[in-house]
Amino acid sequence: MSKYLAEFMITFLKCFFILVIFGILIPDIIDKILTYIVQKNTNSSGTYFVYNIFNCSKQLILRYIYFFRLLEGYN
């Protein structure tokens, strides 16, 4: 193998792994974190108004997740 071909393969693999990390792993981790935050139990006393605001935020987060997965081709 020539030196240039070896350098090309190393650069190609680095770019591939960066794309995998930023395109698959990080969005999946963010999805799991946002899902955990949305599904967390919020039934303490005196938080009815905050809970309703959080439900609106939940819809926005779920739309974000749906759109992001649509762009990735999961749906």
PDB file of N, CA and C in Angstrom:
ATOM      1  N   MET A   1       0.838  -1.184   0.000  1.00  0.00           N
ATOM      2  CA  MET A   1       0.000   0.000   0.000  1.00  0.00           C
ATOM      3  C   MET A   1       0.876   1.238   0.000  1.00  0.00           C
ATOM      4  N   SER A   2       0.519   2.166  -0.834  1.00  0.00           N
ATOM      5  CA  SER A   2       1.327   3.377  -0.879  1.00  0.00           C
ATOM      6  C   SER A   2       1.002   4.276   0.304  1.00  0.00           C
ATOM      7  N   LYS A   3       1.864   5.214   0.529  1.00  0.00           N
ATOM      8  CA  LYS A   3       1.718   6.139   1.658  1.00  0.00           C
ATOM      9  C   LYS A   3       0.452   6.975   1.520  1.00  0.00           C
ATOM     10  N   TYR A   4       0.166   7.440   0.311  1.00  0.00           N
ATOM     11  CA  TYR A   4      -1.004   8.288   0.084  1.00  0.00           C
ATOM     12  C   TYR A   4      -2.317   7.521   0.261  1.00  0.00           C
ATOM     13  N   LEU A   5      -2.304   6.278  -0.161  1.00  0.00           N
ATOM     14  CA  LEU A   5      -3.500   5.452   0.008  1.00  0.00           C
ATOM     15  C   LEU A   5      -3.758   5.177   1.485  1.00  0.00           C
ATOM     16  N   ALA A   6      -2.701   4.933   2.234  1.00  0.00           N
ATOM     17  CA  ALA A   6      -2.845   4.700   3.674  1.00  0.00           C
ATOM     18  C   ALA A   6      -3.363   5.960   4.371  1.00  0.00           C
ATOM     19  N   GLU A   7      -2.820   7.120   4.006  1.00  0.00           N
ATOM     20  CA  GLU A   7      -3.300   8.387   4.589  1.00  0.00           C
ATOM     21  C   GLU A   7      -4.761   8.633   4.230  1.00  0.00           C
ATOM     22  N   PHE A   8      -5.126   8.326   2.990  1.00  0.00           N
ATOM     23  CA  PHE A   8      -6.514   8.495   2.563  1.00  0.00           C
ATOM     24  C   PHE A   8      -7.449   7.596   3.366  1.00  0.00           C
ATOM     25  N   MET A   9      -7.062   6.351   3.556  1.00  0.00           N
ATOM     26  CA  MET A   9      -7.910   5.418   4.304  1.00  0.00           C
ATOM     27  C   MET A   9      -8.060   5.858   5.760  1.00  0.00           C
ATOM     28  N   ILE A  10      -6.995   6.337   6.361  1.00  0.00           N
ATOM     29  CA  ILE A  10      -7.067   6.807   7.744  1.00  0.00           C
ATOM     30  C   ILE A  10      -7.975   8.021   7.837  1.00  0.00           C
ATOM     31  N   THR A  11      -7.830   8.965   6.922  1.00  0.00           N
ATOM     32  CA  THR A  11      -8.683  10.160   6.916  1.00  0.00           C
ATOM     33  C   THR A  11     -10.132   9.780   6.658  1.00  0.00           C
ATOM     34  N   PHE A  12     -10.362   8.859   5.735  1.00  0.00           N
ATOM     35  CA  PHE A  12     -11.714   8.411   5.426  1.00  0.00           C
ATOM     36  C   PHE A  12     -12.369   7.762   6.642  1.00  0.00           C
ATOM     37  N   LEU A  13     -11.649   6.905   7.347  1.00  0.00           N
ATOM     38  CA  LEU A  13     -12.196   6.251   8.535  1.00  0.00           C
ATOM     39  C   LEU A  13     -12.465   7.258   9.655  1.00  0.00           C
ATOM     40  N   LYS A  14     -11.579   8.237   9.825  1.00  0.00           N
ATOM     41  CA  LYS A  14     -11.816   9.285  10.828  1.00  0.00           C
ATOM     42  C   LYS A  14     -13.109  10.033  10.518  1.00  0.00           C
ATOM     43  N   CYS A  15     -13.276  10.427   9.262  1.00  0.00           N
ATOM     44  CA  CYS A  15     -14.495  11.151   8.865  1.00  0.00           C
ATOM     45  C   CYS A  15     -15.730  10.272   9.039  1.00  0.00           C
ATOM     46  N   PHE A  16     -15.622   9.011   8.706  1.00  0.00           N
ATOM     47  CA  PHE A  16     -16.741   8.089   8.855  1.00  0.00           C
ATOM     48  C   PHE A  16     -17.160   7.966  10.322  1.00  0.00           C
ATOM     49  N   PHE A  17     -16.179   7.811  11.204  1.00  0.00           N
ATOM     50  CA  PHE A  17     -16.497   7.698  12.627  1.00  0.00           C
ATOM     51  C   PHE A  17     -17.074   8.985  13.192  1.00  0.00           C
ATOM     52  N   ILE A  18     -16.603  10.123  12.711  1.00  0.00           N
ATOM     53  CA  ILE A  18     -17.176  11.405  13.145  1.00  0.00           C
ATOM     54  C   ILE A  18     -18.629  11.503  12.699  1.00  0.00           C
ATOM     55  N   LEU A  19     -18.914  11.107  11.466  1.00  0.00           N
ATOM     56  CA  LEU A  19     -20.297  11.124  10.976  1.00  0.00           C
ATOM     57  C   LEU A  19     -21.183  10.165  11.765  1.00  0.00           C
ATOM     58  N   VAL A  20     -20.670   9.014  12.113  1.00  0.00           N
ATOM     59  CA  VAL A  20     -21.445   8.051  12.900  1.00  0.00           C
ATOM     60  C   VAL A  20     -21.734   8.619  14.281  1.00  0.00           C
ATOM     61  N   ILE A  21     -20.731   9.216  14.906  1.00  0.00           N
ATOM     62  CA  ILE A  21     -20.913   9.759  16.249  1.00  0.00           C
ATOM     63  C   ILE A  21     -21.913  10.903  16.232  1.00  0.00           C
ATOM     64  N   PHE A  22     -21.734  11.869  15.340  1.00  0.00           N
ATOM     65  CA  PHE A  22     -22.616  13.033  15.319  1.00  0.00           C
ATOM     66  C   PHE A  22     -23.959  12.743  14.657  1.00  0.00           C
ATOM     67  N   GLY A  23     -24.031  11.750  13.798  1.00  0.00           N
ATOM     68  CA  GLY A  23     -25.272  11.480  13.086  1.00  0.00           C
ATOM     69  C   GLY A  23     -26.155  10.429  13.708  1.00  0.00           C
ATOM     70  N   ILE A  24     -25.570   9.520  14.491  1.00  0.00           N
ATOM     71  CA  ILE A  24     -26.359   8.421  15.047  1.00  0.00           C
ATOM     72  C   ILE A  24     -26.305   8.401  16.570  1.00  0.00           C
ATOM     73  N   LEU A  25     -25.116   8.410  17.130  1.00  0.00           N
ATOM     74  CA  LEU A  25     -24.986   8.229  18.573  1.00  0.00           C
ATOM     75  C   LEU A  25     -25.464   9.440  19.378  1.00  0.00           C
ATOM     76  N   ILE A  26     -25.005  10.628  19.033  1.00  0.00           N
ATOM     77  CA  ILE A  26     -25.402  11.820  19.796  1.00  0.00           C
ATOM     78  C   ILE A  26     -26.902  12.087  19.688  1.00  0.00           C
ATOM     79  N   PRO A  27     -27.529  12.027  18.487  1.00  0.00           N
ATOM     80  CA  PRO A  27     -28.983  12.212  18.454  1.00  0.00           C
ATOM     81  C   PRO A  27     -29.745  11.155  19.254  1.00  0.00           C
ATOM     82  N   ASP A  28     -29.254   9.922  19.255  1.00  0.00           N
ATOM     83  CA  ASP A  28     -29.905   8.869  20.032  1.00  0.00           C
ATOM     84  C   ASP A  28     -29.792   9.153  21.532  1.00  0.00           C
ATOM     85  N   ILE A  29     -28.634   9.622  21.970  1.00  0.00           N
ATOM     86  CA  ILE A  29     -28.447   9.961  23.386  1.00  0.00           C
ATOM     87  C   ILE A  29     -29.333  11.143  23.765  1.00  0.00           C
ATOM     88  N   ILE A  30     -29.397  12.159  22.908  1.00  0.00           N
ATOM     89  CA  ILE A  30     -30.269  13.309  23.175  1.00  0.00           C
ATOM     90  C   ILE A  30     -31.722  12.872  23.215  1.00  0.00           C
ATOM     91  N   ASP A  31     -32.110  11.971  22.320  1.00  0.00           N
ATOM     92  CA  ASP A  31     -33.475  11.447  22.305  1.00  0.00           C
ATOM     93  C   ASP A  31     -33.807  10.742  23.609  1.00  0.00           C
ATOM     94  N   LYS A  32     -32.905   9.921  24.100  1.00  0.00           N
ATOM     95  CA  LYS A  32     -33.139   9.214  25.360  1.00  0.00           C
ATOM     96  C   LYS A  32     -33.212  10.183  26.548  1.00  0.00           C
ATOM     97  N   ILE A  33     -32.356  11.198  26.562  1.00  0.00           N
ATOM     98  CA  ILE A  33     -32.375  12.180  27.648  1.00  0.00           C
ATOM     99  C   ILE A  33     -33.674  12.974  27.627  1.00  0.00           C
ATOM    100  N   LEU A  34     -34.089  13.443  26.442  1.00  0.00           N
ATOM    101  CA  LEU A  34     -35.332  14.211  26.349  1.00  0.00           C
ATOM    102  C   LEU A  34     -36.542  13.350  26.698  1.00  0.00           C
ATOM    103  N   THR A  35     -36.538  12.088  26.282  1.00  0.00           N
ATOM    104  CA  THR A  35     -37.636  11.195  26.630  1.00  0.00           C
ATOM    105  C   THR A  35     -37.699  10.981  28.135  1.00  0.00           C
ATOM    106  N   TYR A  36     -36.547  10.831  28.780  1.00  0.00           N
ATOM    107  CA  TYR A  36     -36.511  10.668  30.238  1.00  0.00           C
ATOM    108  C   TYR A  36     -37.045  11.911  30.932  1.00  0.00           C
ATOM    109  N   ILE A  37     -36.663  13.089  30.446  1.00  0.00           N
ATOM    110  CA  ILE A  37     -37.134  14.343  31.055  1.00  0.00           C
ATOM    111  C   ILE A  37     -38.639  14.483  30.882  1.00  0.00           C
ATOM    112  N   VAL A  38     -39.154  14.149  29.706  1.00  0.00           N
ATOM    113  CA  VAL A  38     -40.582  14.307  29.430  1.00  0.00           C
ATOM    114  C   VAL A  38     -41.407  13.320  30.243  1.00  0.00           C
ATOM    115  N   GLN A  39     -40.929  12.100  30.408  1.00  0.00           N
ATOM    116  CA  GLN A  39     -41.709  11.071  31.089  1.00  0.00           C
ATOM    117  C   GLN A  39     -41.499  11.052  32.592  1.00  0.00           C
ATOM    118  N   LYS A  40     -40.690  11.953  33.104  1.00  0.00           N
ATOM    119  CA  LYS A  40     -40.432  11.986  34.541  1.00  0.00           C
ATOM    120  C   LYS A  40     -41.726  12.331  35.283  1.00  0.00           C
ATOM    121  N   ASN A  41     -41.916  11.763  36.435  1.00  0.00           N
ATOM    122  CA  ASN A  41     -43.133  11.985  37.218  1.00  0.00           C
ATOM    123  C   ASN A  41     -43.122  13.385  37.816  1.00  0.00           C
ATOM    124  N   THR A  42     -44.183  14.180  37.545  1.00  0.00           N
ATOM    125  CA  THR A  42     -44.259  15.555  38.037  1.00  0.00           C
ATOM    126  C   THR A  42     -45.556  15.775  38.794  1.00  0.00           C
ATOM    127  N   ASN A  43     -45.998  14.828  39.588  1.00  0.00           N
ATOM    128  CA  ASN A  43     -47.285  14.924  40.272  1.00  0.00           C
ATOM    129  C   ASN A  43     -47.150  15.430  41.703  1.00  0.00           C
ATOM    130  N   SER A  44     -46.274  16.356  41.978  1.00  0.00           N
ATOM    131  CA  SER A  44     -46.184  16.910  43.327  1.00  0.00           C
ATOM    132  C   SER A  44     -47.235  17.993  43.502  1.00  0.00           C
ATOM    133  N   SER A  45     -47.553  18.336  44.746  1.00  0.00           N
ATOM    134  CA  SER A  45     -48.619  19.296  45.008  1.00  0.00           C
ATOM    135  C   SER A  45     -48.189  20.708  44.630  1.00  0.00           C
ATOM    136  N   GLY A  46     -49.138  21.483  44.100  1.00  0.00           N
ATOM    137  CA  GLY A  46     -48.877  22.878  43.764  1.00  0.00           C
ATOM    138  C   GLY A  46     -48.156  23.087  42.448  1.00  0.00           C
ATOM    139  N   THR A  47     -48.079  22.078  41.589  1.00  0.00           N
ATOM    140  CA  THR A  47     -47.370  22.242  40.324  1.00  0.00           C
ATOM    141  C   THR A  47     -48.299  22.064  39.128  1.00  0.00           C
ATOM    142  N   TYR A  48     -49.578  22.323  39.311  1.00  0.00           N
ATOM    143  CA  TYR A  48     -50.521  22.106  38.215  1.00  0.00           C
ATOM    144  C   TYR A  48     -50.220  23.022  37.041  1.00  0.00           C
ATOM    145  N   PHE A  49     -49.981  24.309  37.318  1.00  0.00           N
ATOM    146  CA  PHE A  49     -49.718  25.270  36.242  1.00  0.00           C
ATOM    147  C   PHE A  49     -48.406  24.943  35.536  1.00  0.00           C
ATOM    148  N   VAL A  50     -47.388  24.631  36.290  1.00  0.00           N
ATOM    149  CA  VAL A  50     -46.103  24.277  35.692  1.00  0.00           C
ATOM    150  C   VAL A  50     -46.238  22.994  34.882  1.00  0.00           C
ATOM    151  N   TYR A  51     -47.031  22.046  35.360  1.00  0.00           N
ATOM    152  CA  TYR A  51     -47.232  20.798  34.639  1.00  0.00           C
ATOM    153  C   TYR A  51     -47.897  21.060  33.287  1.00  0.00           C
ATOM    154  N   ASN A  52     -48.874  21.979  33.238  1.00  0.00           N
ATOM    155  CA  ASN A  52     -49.517  22.295  31.963  1.00  0.00           C
ATOM    156  C   ASN A  52     -48.551  22.959  30.996  1.00  0.00           C
ATOM    157  N   ILE A  53     -47.691  23.822  31.492  1.00  0.00           N
ATOM    158  CA  ILE A  53     -46.681  24.424  30.630  1.00  0.00           C
ATOM    159  C   ILE A  53     -45.729  23.344  30.127  1.00  0.00           C
ATOM    160  N   PHE A  54     -45.395  22.408  31.003  1.00  0.00           N
ATOM    161  CA  PHE A  54     -44.489  21.335  30.619  1.00  0.00           C
ATOM    162  C   PHE A  54     -45.112  20.443  29.561  1.00  0.00           C
ATOM    163  N   ASN A  55     -46.421  20.250  29.589  1.00  0.00           N
ATOM    164  CA  ASN A  55     -47.087  19.458  28.556  1.00  0.00           C
ATOM    165  C   ASN A  55     -46.947  20.121  27.196  1.00  0.00           C
ATOM    166  N   CYS A  56     -47.026  21.454  27.139  1.00  0.00           N
ATOM    167  CA  CYS A  56     -46.808  22.156  25.869  1.00  0.00           C
ATOM    168  C   CYS A  56     -45.379  21.954  25.403  1.00  0.00           C
ATOM    169  N   SER A  57     -44.438  22.008  26.330  1.00  0.00           N
ATOM    170  CA  SER A  57     -43.045  21.770  25.982  1.00  0.00           C
ATOM    171  C   SER A  57     -42.845  20.332  25.515  1.00  0.00           C
ATOM    172  N   LYS A  58     -43.593  19.417  26.098  1.00  0.00           N
ATOM    173  CA  LYS A  58     -43.498  18.014  25.712  1.00  0.00           C
ATOM    174  C   LYS A  58     -43.885  17.844  24.247  1.00  0.00           C
ATOM    175  N   GLN A  59     -44.931  18.541  23.811  1.00  0.00           N
ATOM    176  CA  GLN A  59     -45.346  18.450  22.421  1.00  0.00           C
ATOM    177  C   GLN A  59     -44.258  18.977  21.495  1.00  0.00           C
ATOM    178  N   LEU A  60     -43.616  20.078  21.883  1.00  0.00           N
ATOM    179  CA  LEU A  60     -42.540  20.618  21.062  1.00  0.00           C
ATOM    180  C   LEU A  60     -41.356  19.654  20.989  1.00  0.00           C
ATOM    181  N   ILE A  61     -41.022  19.052  22.119  1.00  0.00           N
ATOM    182  CA  ILE A  61     -39.903  18.112  22.146  1.00  0.00           C
ATOM    183  C   ILE A  61     -40.225  16.882  21.293  1.00  0.00           C
ATOM    184  N   LEU A  62     -41.442  16.381  21.401  1.00  0.00           N
ATOM    185  CA  LEU A  62     -41.814  15.210  20.601  1.00  0.00           C
ATOM    186  C   LEU A  62     -41.835  15.525  19.110  1.00  0.00           C
ATOM    187  N   ARG A  63     -42.244  16.736  18.756  1.00  0.00           N
ATOM    188  CA  ARG A  63     -42.195  17.136  17.340  1.00  0.00           C
ATOM    189  C   ARG A  63     -40.752  17.236  16.859  1.00  0.00           C
ATOM    190  N   TYR A  64     -39.864  17.759  17.718  1.00  0.00           N
ATOM    191  CA  TYR A  64     -38.447  17.832  17.377  1.00  0.00           C
ATOM    192  C   TYR A  64     -37.889  16.434  17.151  1.00  0.00           C
ATOM    193  N   ILE A  65     -38.212  15.516  18.036  1.00  0.00           N
ATOM    194  CA  ILE A  65     -37.709  14.149  17.904  1.00  0.00           C
ATOM    195  C   ILE A  65     -38.246  13.510  16.627  1.00  0.00           C
ATOM    196  N   TYR A  66     -39.527  13.707  16.340  1.00  0.00           N
ATOM    197  CA  TYR A  66     -40.124  13.145  15.128  1.00  0.00           C
ATOM    198  C   TYR A  66     -39.443  13.715  13.887  1.00  0.00           C
ATOM    199  N   PHE A  67     -39.235  15.029  13.849  1.00  0.00           N
ATOM    200  CA  PHE A  67     -38.618  15.671  12.694  1.00  0.00           C
ATOM    201  C   PHE A  67     -37.180  15.193  12.522  1.00  0.00           C
ATOM    202  N   PHE A  68     -36.449  15.085  13.630  1.00  0.00           N
ATOM    203  CA  PHE A  68     -35.057  14.650  13.545  1.00  0.00           C
ATOM    204  C   PHE A  68     -34.967  13.211  13.051  1.00  0.00           C
ATOM    205  N   ARG A  69     -35.848  12.355  13.550  1.00  0.00           N
ATOM    206  CA  ARG A  69     -35.838  10.966  13.079  1.00  0.00           C
ATOM    207  C   ARG A  69     -36.293  10.874  11.629  1.00  0.00           C
ATOM    208  N   LEU A  70     -37.202  11.751  11.218  1.00  0.00           N
ATOM    209  CA  LEU A  70     -37.634  11.764   9.827  1.00  0.00           C
ATOM    210  C   LEU A  70     -36.471  12.127   8.914  1.00  0.00           C
ATOM    211  N   LEU A  71     -35.659  13.099   9.338  1.00  0.00           N
ATOM    212  CA  LEU A  71     -34.500  13.467   8.541  1.00  0.00           C
ATOM    213  C   LEU A  71     -33.463  12.352   8.493  1.00  0.00           C
ATOM    214  N   GLU A  72     -33.347  11.587   9.566  1.00  0.00           N
ATOM    215  CA  GLU A  72     -32.390  10.493   9.583  1.00  0.00           C
ATOM    216  C   GLU A  72     -32.892   9.273   8.834  1.00  0.00           C
ATOM    217  N   GLY A  73     -34.186   9.201   8.562  1.00  0.00           N
ATOM    218  CA  GLY A  73     -34.742   8.074   7.832  1.00  0.00           C
ATOM    219  C   GLY A  73     -35.235   6.953   8.697  1.00  0.00           C
ATOM    220  N   TYR A  74     -35.484   7.218  10.012  1.00  0.00           N
ATOM    221  CA  TYR A  74     -36.000   6.164  10.878  1.00  0.00           C
ATOM    222  C   TYR A  74     -37.473   5.903  10.639  1.00  0.00           C
ATOM    223  N   ASN A  75     -38.252   6.906  10.238  1.00  0.00           N
ATOM    224  CA  ASN A  75     -39.704   6.736  10.064  1.00  0.00           C
ATOM    225  C   ASN A  75     -40.035   6.475   8.618  1.00  0.00           C
TER     226      ASN A  75
END
